[in-house]
Amino acid sequence: MLIDSNPEKLDSEVLDLIEAQPNLKHHANIISNDWDALDDADVIISALGNIGLQKMQPG
């Protein structure tokens, strides 16, 4: 499940993941912007933040 406020960016990321699956040993069902799909989730990983802050870090 991928969620993003920018639908064009989200569609691009979903397409990248779908196109990469034939090269992987295991496949996943990729869903986007469907909050109801989280109802029976055992684990939720949240990656929030300002990517600009990471670019400012030395190294």
C-alpha atoms as a PDB file:
ATOM      1  CA  MET A   1       0.000   0.000   0.000  1.00  0.00           C
ATOM      2  CA  LEU A   2       1.453   3.300  -1.078  1.00  0.00           C
ATOM      3  CA  ILE A   3      -0.114   6.622  -0.181  1.00  0.00           C
ATOM      4  CA  ASP A   4       0.989  10.029  -1.428  1.00  0.00           C
ATOM      5  CA  SER A   5      -0.666  13.424  -1.731  1.00  0.00           C
ATOM      6  CA  ASN A   6       0.828  13.795  -5.227  1.00  0.00           C
ATOM      7  CA  PRO A   7      -1.114  11.370  -7.475  1.00  0.00           C
ATOM      8  CA  GLU A   8       1.263  11.704 -10.438  1.00  0.00           C
ATOM      9  CA  LYS A   9       4.288  10.849  -8.283  1.00  0.00           C
ATOM     10  CA  LEU A  10       2.417   7.961  -6.703  1.00  0.00           C
ATOM     11  CA  ASP A  11       1.389   6.523 -10.073  1.00  0.00           C
ATOM     12  CA  SER A  12       5.010   6.708 -11.210  1.00  0.00           C
ATOM     13  CA  GLU A  13       6.284   4.900  -8.098  1.00  0.00           C
ATOM     14  CA  VAL A  14       3.621   2.184  -8.373  1.00  0.00           C
ATOM     15  CA  LEU A  15       4.454   1.624 -12.037  1.00  0.00           C
ATOM     16  CA  ASP A  16       8.180   1.359 -11.223  1.00  0.00           C
ATOM     17  CA  LEU A  17       7.473  -1.297  -8.583  1.00  0.00           C
ATOM     18  CA  ILE A  18       5.129  -3.268 -10.842  1.00  0.00           C
ATOM     19  CA  GLU A  19       7.646  -3.244 -13.691  1.00  0.00           C
ATOM     20  CA  ALA A  20      10.430  -4.450 -11.359  1.00  0.00           C
ATOM     21  CA  GLN A  21       8.482  -7.500 -10.129  1.00  0.00           C
ATOM     22  CA  PRO A  22       9.335  -9.863 -13.016  1.00  0.00           C
ATOM     23  CA  ASN A  23      12.980  -9.618 -11.901  1.00  0.00           C
ATOM     24  CA  LEU A  24      12.197 -10.541  -8.294  1.00  0.00           C
ATOM     25  CA  LYS A  25      11.876 -13.934  -6.650  1.00  0.00           C
ATOM     26  CA  HIS A  26       8.727 -12.934  -4.727  1.00  0.00           C
ATOM     27  CA  HIS A  27       5.872 -10.731  -5.884  1.00  0.00           C
ATOM     28  CA  ALA A  28       3.606  -8.371  -3.977  1.00  0.00           C
ATOM     29  CA  ASN A  29       0.154  -6.973  -4.591  1.00  0.00           C
ATOM     30  CA  ILE A  30       0.741  -3.226  -4.925  1.00  0.00           C
ATOM     31  CA  ILE A  31      -2.180  -1.004  -3.936  1.00  0.00           C
ATOM     32  CA  SER A  32      -2.262   2.786  -3.919  1.00  0.00           C
ATOM     33  CA  ASN A  33      -4.333   5.358  -2.006  1.00  0.00           C
ATOM     34  CA  ASP A  34      -6.824   2.841  -0.582  1.00  0.00           C
ATOM     35  CA  TRP A  35      -7.084   3.591   3.133  1.00  0.00           C
ATOM     36  CA  ASP A  36      -9.619   0.783   3.624  1.00  0.00           C
ATOM     37  CA  ALA A  37      -6.942  -1.737   2.628  1.00  0.00           C
ATOM     38  CA  LEU A  38      -5.169  -0.941   5.916  1.00  0.00           C
ATOM     39  CA  ASP A  39      -8.046  -2.292   8.033  1.00  0.00           C
ATOM     40  CA  ASP A  40      -6.530  -5.756   8.419  1.00  0.00           C
ATOM     41  CA  ALA A  41      -2.843  -4.758   8.273  1.00  0.00           C
ATOM     42  CA  ASP A  42      -0.556  -6.376  10.837  1.00  0.00           C
ATOM     43  CA  VAL A  43       2.260  -3.877  10.265  1.00  0.00           C
ATOM     44  CA  ILE A  44       2.245  -0.311   8.988  1.00  0.00           C
ATOM     45  CA  ILE A  45       5.500   1.421   8.042  1.00  0.00           C
ATOM     46  CA  SER A  46       5.355   5.187   7.837  1.00  0.00           C
ATOM     47  CA  ALA A  47       8.074   7.099   5.987  1.00  0.00           C
ATOM     48  CA  LEU A  48       7.283  10.762   6.456  1.00  0.00           C
ATOM     49  CA  GLY A  49       9.585  13.707   6.220  1.00  0.00           C
ATOM     50  CA  ASN A  50      11.120  16.462   4.211  1.00  0.00           C
ATOM     51  CA  ILE A  51      13.581  14.974   1.679  1.00  0.00           C
ATOM     52  CA  GLY A  52      15.172  18.414   1.396  1.00  0.00           C
ATOM     53  CA  LEU A  53      16.538  18.050   4.929  1.00  0.00           C
ATOM     54  CA  GLN A  54      18.376  14.863   3.965  1.00  0.00           C
ATOM     55  CA  LYS A  55      20.003  16.592   0.996  1.00  0.00           C
ATOM     56  CA  MET A  56      21.411  19.224   3.364  1.00  0.00           C
ATOM     57  CA  GLN A  57      23.258  16.659   5.523  1.00  0.00           C
ATOM     58  CA  PRO A  58      27.045  16.458   5.012  1.00  0.00           C
ATOM     59  CA  GLY A  59      28.490  13.227   3.719  1.00  0.00           C
END
